[in-house]
């Protein structure tokens, strides 16, 4: 399954990301490549905990809207 990830640049360097469909699932990295690895790991852990608890991810939709 694919999830949308929102990436934020840190003013002092590096990046952090959040996964809107997985509330509270965030990660960080010094580079975009490192962030990608770290956020995948965070997502896998988040989903594993949900499975262990017999729960499913929330049904959240993320829209991309242009102006």
PDB file of N, CA and C in Angstrom:
ATOM      1  N   UNK A   1       0.841  -1.172   0.000  1.00  0.00           N
ATOM      2  CA  UNK A   1       0.000   0.000   0.000  1.00  0.00           C
ATOM      3  C   UNK A   1       0.894   1.245   0.000  1.00  0.00           C
ATOM      4  N   UNK A   2       0.479   2.262  -0.699  1.00  0.00           N
ATOM      5  CA  UNK A   2       1.218   3.513  -0.750  1.00  0.00           C
ATOM      6  C   UNK A   2       0.546   4.563   0.120  1.00  0.00           C
ATOM      7  N   UNK A   3       1.348   5.386   0.758  1.00  0.00           N
ATOM      8  CA  UNK A   3       0.860   6.469   1.602  1.00  0.00           C
ATOM      9  C   UNK A   3       1.497   7.776   1.173  1.00  0.00           C
ATOM     10  N   UNK A   4       0.746   8.855   1.262  1.00  0.00           N
ATOM     11  CA  UNK A   4       1.287  10.191   1.012  1.00  0.00           C
ATOM     12  C   UNK A   4       2.112  10.598   2.227  1.00  0.00           C
ATOM     13  N   UNK A   5       3.254  11.207   1.968  1.00  0.00           N
ATOM     14  CA  UNK A   5       4.139  11.680   3.030  1.00  0.00           C
ATOM     15  C   UNK A   5       4.392  13.162   2.791  1.00  0.00           C
ATOM     16  N   UNK A   6       4.213  13.967   3.823  1.00  0.00           N
ATOM     17  CA  UNK A   6       4.468  15.399   3.733  1.00  0.00           C
ATOM     18  C   UNK A   6       5.866  15.654   4.295  1.00  0.00           C
ATOM     19  N   UNK A   7       6.714  16.236   3.462  1.00  0.00           N
ATOM     20  CA  UNK A   7       8.107  16.482   3.843  1.00  0.00           C
ATOM     21  C   UNK A   7       8.290  17.963   4.155  1.00  0.00           C
ATOM     22  N   UNK A   8       8.947  18.223   5.275  1.00  0.00           N
ATOM     23  CA  UNK A   8       9.225  19.591   5.709  1.00  0.00           C
ATOM     24  C   UNK A   8      10.734  19.772   5.803  1.00  0.00           C
ATOM     25  N   UNK A   9      11.211  20.918   5.341  1.00  0.00           N
ATOM     26  CA  UNK A   9      12.637  21.243   5.466  1.00  0.00           C
ATOM     27  C   UNK A   9      12.836  21.957   6.801  1.00  0.00           C
ATOM     28  N   UNK A  10      13.847  21.537   7.523  1.00  0.00           N
ATOM     29  CA  UNK A  10      14.192  22.176   8.796  1.00  0.00           C
ATOM     30  C   UNK A  10      15.068  23.405   8.526  1.00  0.00           C
ATOM     31  N   UNK A  11      14.755  24.537   9.130  1.00  0.00           N
ATOM     32  CA  UNK A  11      15.565  25.743   8.901  1.00  0.00           C
ATOM     33  C   UNK A  11      17.052  25.558   9.233  1.00  0.00           C
ATOM     34  N   UNK A  12      17.365  24.738  10.204  1.00  0.00           N
ATOM     35  CA  UNK A  12      18.763  24.533  10.611  1.00  0.00           C
ATOM     36  C   UNK A  12      19.412  23.358   9.882  1.00  0.00           C
ATOM     37  N   UNK A  13      18.704  22.783   8.920  1.00  0.00           N
ATOM     38  CA  UNK A  13      19.240  21.667   8.135  1.00  0.00           C
ATOM     39  C   UNK A  13      18.478  20.386   8.381  1.00  0.00           C
ATOM     40  N   UNK A  14      18.417  19.565   7.369  1.00  0.00           N
ATOM     41  CA  UNK A  14      17.712  18.298   7.472  1.00  0.00           C
ATOM     42  C   UNK A  14      16.241  18.431   7.136  1.00  0.00           C
ATOM     43  N   UNK A  15      15.538  17.343   7.339  1.00  0.00           N
ATOM     44  CA  UNK A  15      14.128  17.254   6.970  1.00  0.00           C
ATOM     45  C   UNK A  15      13.373  16.450   8.027  1.00  0.00           C
ATOM     46  N   UNK A  16      12.079  16.682   8.072  1.00  0.00           N
ATOM     47  CA  UNK A  16      11.209  15.804   8.846  1.00  0.00           C
ATOM     48  C   UNK A  16       9.964  15.556   8.018  1.00  0.00           C
ATOM     49  N   UNK A  17       9.298  14.443   8.280  1.00  0.00           N
ATOM     50  CA  UNK A  17       8.131  14.056   7.490  1.00  0.00           C
ATOM     51  C   UNK A  17       7.028  13.545   8.396  1.00  0.00           C
ATOM     52  N   UNK A  18       5.806  13.708   7.907  1.00  0.00           N
ATOM     53  CA  UNK A  18       4.629  13.183   8.596  1.00  0.00           C
ATOM     54  C   UNK A  18       3.780  12.417   7.586  1.00  0.00           C
ATOM     55  N   UNK A  19       3.056  11.434   8.095  1.00  0.00           N
ATOM     56  CA  UNK A  19       2.199  10.604   7.251  1.00  0.00           C
ATOM     57  C   UNK A  19       0.760  10.872   7.693  1.00  0.00           C
ATOM     58  N   UNK A  20       0.022  11.725   6.962  1.00  0.00           N
ATOM     59  CA  UNK A  20      -1.324  12.115   7.405  1.00  0.00           C
ATOM     60  C   UNK A  20      -2.272  10.938   7.669  1.00  0.00           C
ATOM     61  N   UNK A  21      -2.154   9.879   6.893  1.00  0.00           N
ATOM     62  CA  UNK A  21      -3.044   8.729   7.075  1.00  0.00           C
ATOM     63  C   UNK A  21      -2.685   7.887   8.300  1.00  0.00           C
ATOM     64  N   UNK A  22      -1.517   8.168   8.885  1.00  0.00           N
ATOM     65  CA  UNK A  22      -1.068   7.450  10.080  1.00  0.00           C
ATOM     66  C   UNK A  22      -0.760   8.497  11.154  1.00  0.00           C
ATOM     67  N   UNK A  23      -1.778   9.038  11.787  1.00  0.00           N
ATOM     68  CA  UNK A  23      -1.590  10.145  12.743  1.00  0.00           C
ATOM     69  C   UNK A  23      -0.523   9.834  13.796  1.00  0.00           C
ATOM     70  N   UNK A  24       0.410  10.767  13.923  1.00  0.00           N
ATOM     71  CA  UNK A  24       1.494  10.592  14.879  1.00  0.00           C
ATOM     72  C   UNK A  24       2.714   9.910  14.303  1.00  0.00           C
ATOM     73  N   UNK A  25       2.628   9.440  13.071  1.00  0.00           N
ATOM     74  CA  UNK A  25       3.757   8.776  12.427  1.00  0.00           C
ATOM     75  C   UNK A  25       4.623   9.849  11.784  1.00  0.00           C
ATOM     76  N   UNK A  26       5.775  10.110  12.390  1.00  0.00           N
ATOM     77  CA  UNK A  26       6.712  11.123  11.903  1.00  0.00           C
ATOM     78  C   UNK A  26       8.123  10.548  11.943  1.00  0.00           C
ATOM     79  N   UNK A  27       9.003  11.157  11.169  1.00  0.00           N
ATOM     80  CA  UNK A  27      10.404  10.761  11.189  1.00  0.00           C
ATOM     81  C   UNK A  27      11.238  11.931  10.692  1.00  0.00           C
ATOM     82  N   UNK A  28      12.559  11.774  10.774  1.00  0.00           N
ATOM     83  CA  UNK A  28      13.452  12.845  10.335  1.00  0.00           C
ATOM     84  C   UNK A  28      14.692  12.255   9.695  1.00  0.00           C
ATOM     85  N   UNK A  29      15.430  13.106   9.004  1.00  0.00           N
ATOM     86  CA  UNK A  29      16.682  12.687   8.391  1.00  0.00           C
ATOM     87  C   UNK A  29      17.492  13.883   7.959  1.00  0.00           C
ATOM     88  N   UNK A  30      18.789  13.703   7.873  1.00  0.00           N
ATOM     89  CA  UNK A  30      19.675  14.787   7.448  1.00  0.00           C
ATOM     90  C   UNK A  30      19.560  15.056   5.950  1.00  0.00           C
ATOM     91  N   UNK A  31      19.259  14.009   5.181  1.00  0.00           N
ATOM     92  CA  UNK A  31      19.095  14.137   3.731  1.00  0.00           C
ATOM     93  C   UNK A  31      17.745  13.551   3.345  1.00  0.00           C
ATOM     94  N   UNK A  32      17.306  13.836   2.130  1.00  0.00           N
ATOM     95  CA  UNK A  32      16.046  13.250   1.671  1.00  0.00           C
ATOM     96  C   UNK A  32      16.136  11.735   1.572  1.00  0.00           C
ATOM     97  N   UNK A  33      17.299  11.224   1.166  1.00  0.00           N
ATOM     98  CA  UNK A  33      17.470   9.763   1.099  1.00  0.00           C
ATOM     99  C   UNK A  33      17.369   9.138   2.483  1.00  0.00           C
ATOM    100  N   UNK A  34      18.016   9.744   3.457  1.00  0.00           N
ATOM    101  CA  UNK A  34      17.949   9.236   4.829  1.00  0.00           C
ATOM    102  C   UNK A  34      16.533   9.347   5.371  1.00  0.00           C
ATOM    103  N   UNK A  35      15.872  10.447   5.074  1.00  0.00           N
ATOM    104  CA  UNK A  35      14.484  10.623   5.514  1.00  0.00           C
ATOM    105  C   UNK A  35      13.596   9.528   4.950  1.00  0.00           C
ATOM    106  N   UNK A  36      13.775   9.211   3.679  1.00  0.00           N
ATOM    107  CA  UNK A  36      12.953   8.189   3.036  1.00  0.00           C
ATOM    108  C   UNK A  36      13.119   6.835   3.732  1.00  0.00           C
ATOM    109  N   UNK A  37      14.344   6.471   4.048  1.00  0.00           N
ATOM    110  CA  UNK A  37      14.599   5.213   4.755  1.00  0.00           C
ATOM    111  C   UNK A  37      13.950   5.256   6.138  1.00  0.00           C
ATOM    112  N   UNK A  38      14.137   6.358   6.847  1.00  0.00           N
ATOM    113  CA  UNK A  38      13.621   6.475   8.215  1.00  0.00           C
ATOM    114  C   UNK A  38      12.101   6.490   8.265  1.00  0.00           C
ATOM    115  N   UNK A  39      11.466   7.183   7.329  1.00  0.00           N
ATOM    116  CA  UNK A  39      10.003   7.249   7.363  1.00  0.00           C
ATOM    117  C   UNK A  39       9.397   5.900   6.981  1.00  0.00           C
ATOM    118  N   UNK A  40      10.038   5.173   6.082  1.00  0.00           N
ATOM    119  CA  UNK A  40       9.555   3.811   5.759  1.00  0.00           C
ATOM    120  C   UNK A  40       9.617   2.919   6.999  1.00  0.00           C
ATOM    121  N   UNK A  41      10.695   3.039   7.742  1.00  0.00           N
ATOM    122  CA  UNK A  41      10.844   2.251   8.965  1.00  0.00           C
ATOM    123  C   UNK A  41       9.774   2.642   9.989  1.00  0.00           C
ATOM    124  N   UNK A  42       9.523   3.941  10.126  1.00  0.00           N
ATOM    125  CA  UNK A  42       8.497   4.415  11.063  1.00  0.00           C
ATOM    126  C   UNK A  42       7.113   3.914  10.645  1.00  0.00           C
ATOM    127  N   UNK A  43       6.832   3.964   9.353  1.00  0.00           N
ATOM    128  CA  UNK A  43       5.532   3.494   8.862  1.00  0.00           C
ATOM    129  C   UNK A  43       5.359   1.993   9.110  1.00  0.00           C
ATOM    130  N   UNK A  44       6.398   1.223   8.833  1.00  0.00           N
ATOM    131  CA  UNK A  44       6.323  -0.227   9.042  1.00  0.00           C
ATOM    132  C   UNK A  44       6.070  -0.538  10.512  1.00  0.00           C
ATOM    133  N   UNK A  45       6.757   0.164  11.406  1.00  0.00           N
ATOM    134  CA  UNK A  45       6.543  -0.041  12.838  1.00  0.00           C
ATOM    135  C   UNK A  45       5.145   0.341  13.265  1.00  0.00           C
ATOM    136  N   UNK A  46       4.655   1.452  12.766  1.00  0.00           N
ATOM    137  CA  UNK A  46       3.306   1.925  13.077  1.00  0.00           C
ATOM    138  C   UNK A  46       2.268   0.886  12.652  1.00  0.00           C
ATOM    139  N   UNK A  47       2.394   0.412  11.406  1.00  0.00           N
ATOM    140  CA  UNK A  47       1.433  -0.564  10.889  1.00  0.00           C
ATOM    141  C   UNK A  47       1.530  -1.898  11.620  1.00  0.00           C
ATOM    142  N   UNK A  48       2.730  -2.293  12.035  1.00  0.00           N
ATOM    143  CA  UNK A  48       2.891  -3.524  12.802  1.00  0.00           C
ATOM    144  C   UNK A  48       2.163  -3.442  14.136  1.00  0.00           C
ATOM    145  N   UNK A  49       2.272  -2.319  14.816  1.00  0.00           N
ATOM    146  CA  UNK A  49       1.567  -2.133  16.089  1.00  0.00           C
ATOM    147  C   UNK A  49       0.059  -2.201  15.871  1.00  0.00           C
ATOM    148  N   UNK A  50      -0.435  -1.556  14.811  1.00  0.00           N
ATOM    149  CA  UNK A  50      -1.870  -1.636  14.524  1.00  0.00           C
ATOM    150  C   UNK A  50      -2.297  -3.085  14.321  1.00  0.00           C
ATOM    151  N   UNK A  51      -1.515  -3.844  13.533  1.00  0.00           N
ATOM    152  CA  UNK A  51      -1.851  -5.260  13.289  1.00  0.00           C
ATOM    153  C   UNK A  51      -1.871  -6.048  14.597  1.00  0.00           C
ATOM    154  N   UNK A  52      -0.871  -5.821  15.450  1.00  0.00           N
ATOM    155  CA  UNK A  52      -0.804  -6.526  16.728  1.00  0.00           C
ATOM    156  C   UNK A  52      -2.010  -6.220  17.601  1.00  0.00           C
ATOM    157  N   UNK A  53      -2.524  -4.989  17.472  1.00  0.00           N
ATOM    158  CA  UNK A  53      -3.687  -4.575  18.264  1.00  0.00           C
ATOM    159  C   UNK A  53      -5.006  -4.889  17.572  1.00  0.00           C
ATOM    160  N   UNK A  54      -4.942  -5.496  16.387  1.00  0.00           N
ATOM    161  CA  UNK A  54      -6.152  -5.852  15.648  1.00  0.00           C
ATOM    162  C   UNK A  54      -6.871  -4.649  15.065  1.00  0.00           C
ATOM    163  N   UNK A  55      -6.137  -3.569  14.816  1.00  0.00           N
ATOM    164  CA  UNK A  55      -6.751  -2.358  14.267  1.00  0.00           C
ATOM    165  C   UNK A  55      -6.283  -2.132  12.835  1.00  0.00           C
ATOM    166  N   UNK A  56      -6.986  -1.265  12.148  1.00  0.00           N
ATOM    167  CA  UNK A  56      -6.657  -0.873  10.779  1.00  0.00           C
ATOM    168  C   UNK A  56      -6.289   0.611  10.762  1.00  0.00           C
ATOM    169  N   UNK A  57      -5.497   1.041   9.771  1.00  0.00           N
ATOM    170  CA  UNK A  57      -5.224   2.474   9.642  1.00  0.00           C
ATOM    171  C   UNK A  57      -6.524   3.239   9.431  1.00  0.00           C
ATOM    172  N   UNK A  58      -6.562   4.472   9.895  1.00  0.00           N
ATOM    173  CA  UNK A  58      -7.746   5.308   9.710  1.00  0.00           C
ATOM    174  C   UNK A  58      -7.944   5.574   8.226  1.00  0.00           C
ATOM    175  N   UNK A  59      -9.203   5.750   7.825  1.00  0.00           N
ATOM    176  CA  UNK A  59      -9.520   6.032   6.430  1.00  0.00           C
ATOM    177  C   UNK A  59      -9.482   7.548   6.221  1.00  0.00           C
ATOM    178  N   UNK A  60      -8.271   8.056   5.933  1.00  0.00           N
ATOM    179  CA  UNK A  60      -8.059   9.478   5.742  1.00  0.00           C
ATOM    180  C   UNK A  60      -7.672   9.698   4.297  1.00  0.00           C
ATOM    181  N   UNK A  61      -8.257  10.705   3.672  1.00  0.00           N
ATOM    182  CA  UNK A  61      -7.902  11.046   2.312  1.00  0.00           C
ATOM    183  C   UNK A  61      -7.096  12.323   2.288  1.00  0.00           C
ATOM    184  N   UNK A  62      -6.084  12.348   1.449  1.00  0.00           N
ATOM    185  CA  UNK A  62      -5.250  13.535   1.281  1.00  0.00           C
ATOM    186  C   UNK A  62      -5.484  14.035  -0.135  1.00  0.00           C
ATOM    187  N   UNK A  63      -5.900  15.275  -0.262  1.00  0.00           N
ATOM    188  CA  UNK A  63      -6.151  15.855  -1.571  1.00  0.00           C
ATOM    189  C   UNK A  63      -5.001  16.774  -1.955  1.00  0.00           C
ATOM    190  N   UNK A  64      -4.721  16.824  -3.235  1.00  0.00           N
ATOM    191  CA  UNK A  64      -3.752  17.771  -3.764  1.00  0.00           C
ATOM    192  C   UNK A  64      -4.541  18.795  -4.564  1.00  0.00           C
ATOM    193  N   UNK A  65      -4.524  20.039  -4.113  1.00  0.00           N
ATOM    194  CA  UNK A  65      -5.354  21.079  -4.719  1.00  0.00           C
ATOM    195  C   UNK A  65      -4.452  22.222  -5.188  1.00  0.00           C
ATOM    196  N   UNK A  66      -4.554  22.553  -6.442  1.00  0.00           N
ATOM    197  CA  UNK A  66      -3.763  23.645  -6.985  1.00  0.00           C
ATOM    198  C   UNK A  66      -4.535  24.953  -6.949  1.00  0.00           C
ATOM    199  N   UNK A  67      -3.814  26.037  -6.958  1.00  0.00           N
ATOM    200  CA  UNK A  67      -4.421  27.369  -7.012  1.00  0.00           C
ATOM    201  C   UNK A  67      -4.054  28.064  -8.303  1.00  0.00           C
TER     202      UNK A  67
END
